[in-house]
Amino acid sequence: MLSLPNNLMGDKKKAGALFVRLVSTAGTGFFYVKKKTKTLITNQTKLEFRKFDPRVNCHVLFKEEKMK
């Protein structure tokens, strides 16, 4: 069995994705949690999705906010 030294094993972890809150623009306080990938973080783009808000029973725009 071949054993590799620790410095060749890949000890370091890559910077992963961040979690962000997508808050409803309808003002209901409803939110989704989404994972923001490394490429979107470096581009500094804000996420916006049109998703279903059950409190107003229709699709509305959800905008990104930081997790608290």
N, C-alpha and C. Protein backbone atom coordinates (compact mmCIF):
# COMPACT_ATOMS: atom_id res chain seq x y z
N MET A 1 0.84 -1.17 0.00
CA MET A 1 0.00 0.00 0.00
C MET A 1 0.89 1.24 0.00
N LEU A 2 0.59 2.17 -0.88
CA LEU A 2 1.37 3.39 -1.03
C LEU A 2 0.85 4.46 -0.09
N SER A 3 1.74 5.07 0.65
CA SER A 3 1.34 6.11 1.59
C SER A 3 2.00 7.43 1.17
N LEU A 4 1.20 8.49 1.09
CA LEU A 4 1.71 9.80 0.69
C LEU A 4 1.92 10.68 1.91
N PRO A 5 2.93 11.57 1.86
CA PRO A 5 3.12 12.49 2.98
C PRO A 5 1.94 13.45 3.09
N ASN A 6 1.77 14.02 4.27
CA ASN A 6 0.62 14.90 4.55
C ASN A 6 0.56 16.13 3.67
N ASN A 7 1.71 16.66 3.25
CA ASN A 7 1.69 17.88 2.44
C ASN A 7 1.19 17.62 1.02
N LEU A 8 1.10 16.38 0.58
CA LEU A 8 0.59 16.06 -0.74
C LEU A 8 -0.86 15.58 -0.72
N MET A 9 -1.44 15.47 0.46
CA MET A 9 -2.78 14.90 0.59
C MET A 9 -3.89 15.93 0.37
N GLY A 10 -3.57 17.19 0.28
CA GLY A 10 -4.60 18.20 0.08
C GLY A 10 -5.33 18.54 1.36
N ASP A 11 -4.60 18.98 2.37
CA ASP A 11 -5.20 19.28 3.68
C ASP A 11 -6.11 20.50 3.64
N LYS A 12 -5.78 21.47 2.80
CA LYS A 12 -6.52 22.74 2.80
C LYS A 12 -7.87 22.57 2.11
N LYS A 13 -8.87 23.25 2.65
CA LYS A 13 -10.19 23.23 2.03
C LYS A 13 -10.38 24.50 1.22
N LYS A 14 -11.08 24.38 0.13
CA LYS A 14 -11.38 25.56 -0.69
C LYS A 14 -12.48 26.37 -0.02
N ALA A 15 -12.48 27.65 -0.31
CA ALA A 15 -13.56 28.50 0.20
C ALA A 15 -14.84 28.09 -0.50
N GLY A 16 -15.80 27.65 0.27
CA GLY A 16 -17.03 27.14 -0.30
C GLY A 16 -18.05 28.23 -0.54
N ALA A 17 -19.28 27.82 -0.64
CA ALA A 17 -20.36 28.74 -0.90
C ALA A 17 -20.86 29.36 0.41
N LEU A 18 -21.49 30.51 0.29
CA LEU A 18 -22.11 31.17 1.43
C LEU A 18 -23.62 31.01 1.35
N PHE A 19 -24.27 31.03 2.50
CA PHE A 19 -25.71 31.01 2.53
C PHE A 19 -26.23 32.44 2.63
N VAL A 20 -27.24 32.76 1.83
CA VAL A 20 -27.86 34.09 1.85
C VAL A 20 -29.36 33.92 2.00
N ARG A 21 -30.01 34.95 2.51
CA ARG A 21 -31.46 34.95 2.64
C ARG A 21 -32.05 35.67 1.44
N LEU A 22 -33.09 35.09 0.86
CA LEU A 22 -33.85 35.75 -0.19
C LEU A 22 -35.16 36.21 0.45
N VAL A 23 -35.30 37.52 0.64
CA VAL A 23 -36.43 38.09 1.36
C VAL A 23 -37.45 38.60 0.36
N SER A 24 -38.72 38.36 0.65
CA SER A 24 -39.82 38.76 -0.21
C SER A 24 -39.93 40.28 -0.29
N THR A 25 -40.15 40.80 -1.50
CA THR A 25 -40.34 42.24 -1.67
C THR A 25 -41.78 42.65 -1.41
N ALA A 26 -42.66 41.65 -1.15
CA ALA A 26 -44.06 41.96 -0.82
C ALA A 26 -44.19 42.46 0.61
N GLY A 27 -43.11 42.36 1.39
CA GLY A 27 -43.13 42.88 2.75
C GLY A 27 -43.76 41.93 3.76
N THR A 28 -43.87 40.66 3.41
CA THR A 28 -44.49 39.70 4.32
C THR A 28 -43.52 39.14 5.35
N GLY A 29 -42.22 39.29 5.11
CA GLY A 29 -41.22 38.73 6.01
C GLY A 29 -40.84 37.30 5.67
N PHE A 30 -41.49 36.73 4.66
CA PHE A 30 -41.18 35.36 4.24
C PHE A 30 -39.84 35.36 3.51
N PHE A 31 -39.04 34.31 3.73
CA PHE A 31 -37.73 34.25 3.07
C PHE A 31 -37.37 32.82 2.72
N TYR A 32 -36.50 32.67 1.75
CA TYR A 32 -35.88 31.40 1.38
C TYR A 32 -34.39 31.52 1.70
N VAL A 33 -33.74 30.38 1.94
CA VAL A 33 -32.29 30.35 2.14
C VAL A 33 -31.69 29.68 0.91
N LYS A 34 -30.69 30.33 0.32
CA LYS A 34 -30.07 29.86 -0.92
C LYS A 34 -28.57 29.84 -0.73
N LYS A 35 -27.90 28.92 -1.40
CA LYS A 35 -26.45 28.84 -1.37
C LYS A 35 -25.89 29.67 -2.52
N LYS A 36 -24.99 30.59 -2.21
CA LYS A 36 -24.37 31.44 -3.22
C LYS A 36 -22.97 30.90 -3.50
N THR A 37 -22.70 30.55 -4.76
CA THR A 37 -21.44 29.90 -5.10
C THR A 37 -20.28 30.90 -5.13
N LYS A 38 -19.08 30.35 -5.19
CA LYS A 38 -17.86 31.16 -5.17
C LYS A 38 -17.79 32.12 -6.35
N THR A 39 -18.24 31.69 -7.54
CA THR A 39 -18.17 32.55 -8.72
C THR A 39 -19.10 33.74 -8.58
N LEU A 40 -20.27 33.55 -8.00
CA LEU A 40 -21.19 34.66 -7.80
C LEU A 40 -20.69 35.63 -6.73
N ILE A 41 -19.94 35.10 -5.75
CA ILE A 41 -19.39 35.95 -4.70
C ILE A 41 -18.31 36.86 -5.28
N THR A 42 -17.45 36.31 -6.15
CA THR A 42 -16.36 37.12 -6.71
C THR A 42 -16.89 38.16 -7.70
N ASN A 43 -18.01 37.87 -8.37
CA ASN A 43 -18.60 38.84 -9.29
C ASN A 43 -19.39 39.92 -8.57
N GLN A 44 -19.64 39.73 -7.28
CA GLN A 44 -20.40 40.65 -6.44
C GLN A 44 -21.78 40.94 -7.02
N THR A 45 -22.42 39.88 -7.51
CA THR A 45 -23.78 40.03 -8.02
C THR A 45 -24.78 39.72 -6.92
N LYS A 46 -25.85 40.48 -6.87
CA LYS A 46 -26.92 40.24 -5.91
C LYS A 46 -27.93 39.30 -6.55
N LEU A 47 -28.35 38.30 -5.80
CA LEU A 47 -29.31 37.33 -6.32
C LEU A 47 -30.72 37.90 -6.27
N GLU A 48 -31.48 37.66 -7.30
CA GLU A 48 -32.90 38.01 -7.35
C GLU A 48 -33.63 36.87 -8.04
N PHE A 49 -34.67 36.39 -7.39
CA PHE A 49 -35.48 35.31 -7.95
C PHE A 49 -36.95 35.67 -7.84
N ARG A 50 -37.72 35.17 -8.78
CA ARG A 50 -39.17 35.30 -8.70
C ARG A 50 -39.70 33.96 -8.22
N LYS A 51 -40.13 33.93 -6.95
CA LYS A 51 -40.55 32.69 -6.33
C LYS A 51 -41.91 32.88 -5.67
N PHE A 52 -42.48 31.78 -5.20
CA PHE A 52 -43.81 31.79 -4.61
C PHE A 52 -43.75 32.24 -3.15
N ASP A 53 -44.59 33.19 -2.79
CA ASP A 53 -44.74 33.64 -1.41
C ASP A 53 -46.10 33.15 -0.91
N PRO A 54 -46.12 32.18 -0.01
CA PRO A 54 -47.40 31.60 0.43
C PRO A 54 -48.25 32.57 1.25
N ARG A 55 -47.67 33.60 1.80
CA ARG A 55 -48.45 34.53 2.62
C ARG A 55 -49.32 35.45 1.78
N VAL A 56 -48.91 35.74 0.55
CA VAL A 56 -49.76 36.53 -0.36
C VAL A 56 -50.32 35.66 -1.48
N ASN A 57 -49.94 34.39 -1.49
CA ASN A 57 -50.46 33.38 -2.42
C ASN A 57 -50.20 33.74 -3.89
N CYS A 58 -49.02 34.26 -4.19
CA CYS A 58 -48.63 34.52 -5.58
C CYS A 58 -47.11 34.59 -5.68
N HIS A 59 -46.61 34.67 -6.91
CA HIS A 59 -45.18 34.78 -7.15
C HIS A 59 -44.76 36.24 -7.03
N VAL A 60 -43.70 36.48 -6.28
CA VAL A 60 -43.16 37.84 -6.11
C VAL A 60 -41.65 37.78 -6.24
N LEU A 61 -41.03 38.93 -6.31
CA LEU A 61 -39.58 39.02 -6.41
C LEU A 61 -38.95 38.87 -5.03
N PHE A 62 -37.92 38.05 -4.95
CA PHE A 62 -37.16 37.87 -3.72
C PHE A 62 -35.75 38.40 -3.94
N LYS A 63 -35.28 39.26 -3.04
CA LYS A 63 -33.94 39.86 -3.17
C LYS A 63 -33.03 39.35 -2.05
N GLU A 64 -31.74 39.36 -2.36
CA GLU A 64 -30.74 38.84 -1.45
C GLU A 64 -30.48 39.77 -0.28
N GLU A 65 -30.36 39.16 0.92
CA GLU A 65 -29.87 39.85 2.11
C GLU A 65 -28.89 38.92 2.80
N LYS A 66 -28.04 39.47 3.64
CA LYS A 66 -27.08 38.65 4.37
C LYS A 66 -27.81 37.88 5.47
N MET A 67 -27.26 36.72 5.82
CA MET A 67 -27.79 35.94 6.93
C MET A 67 -27.46 36.66 8.23
N LYS A 68 -28.37 36.61 9.17
CA LYS A 68 -28.12 37.26 10.47
C LYS A 68 -27.54 36.29 11.45
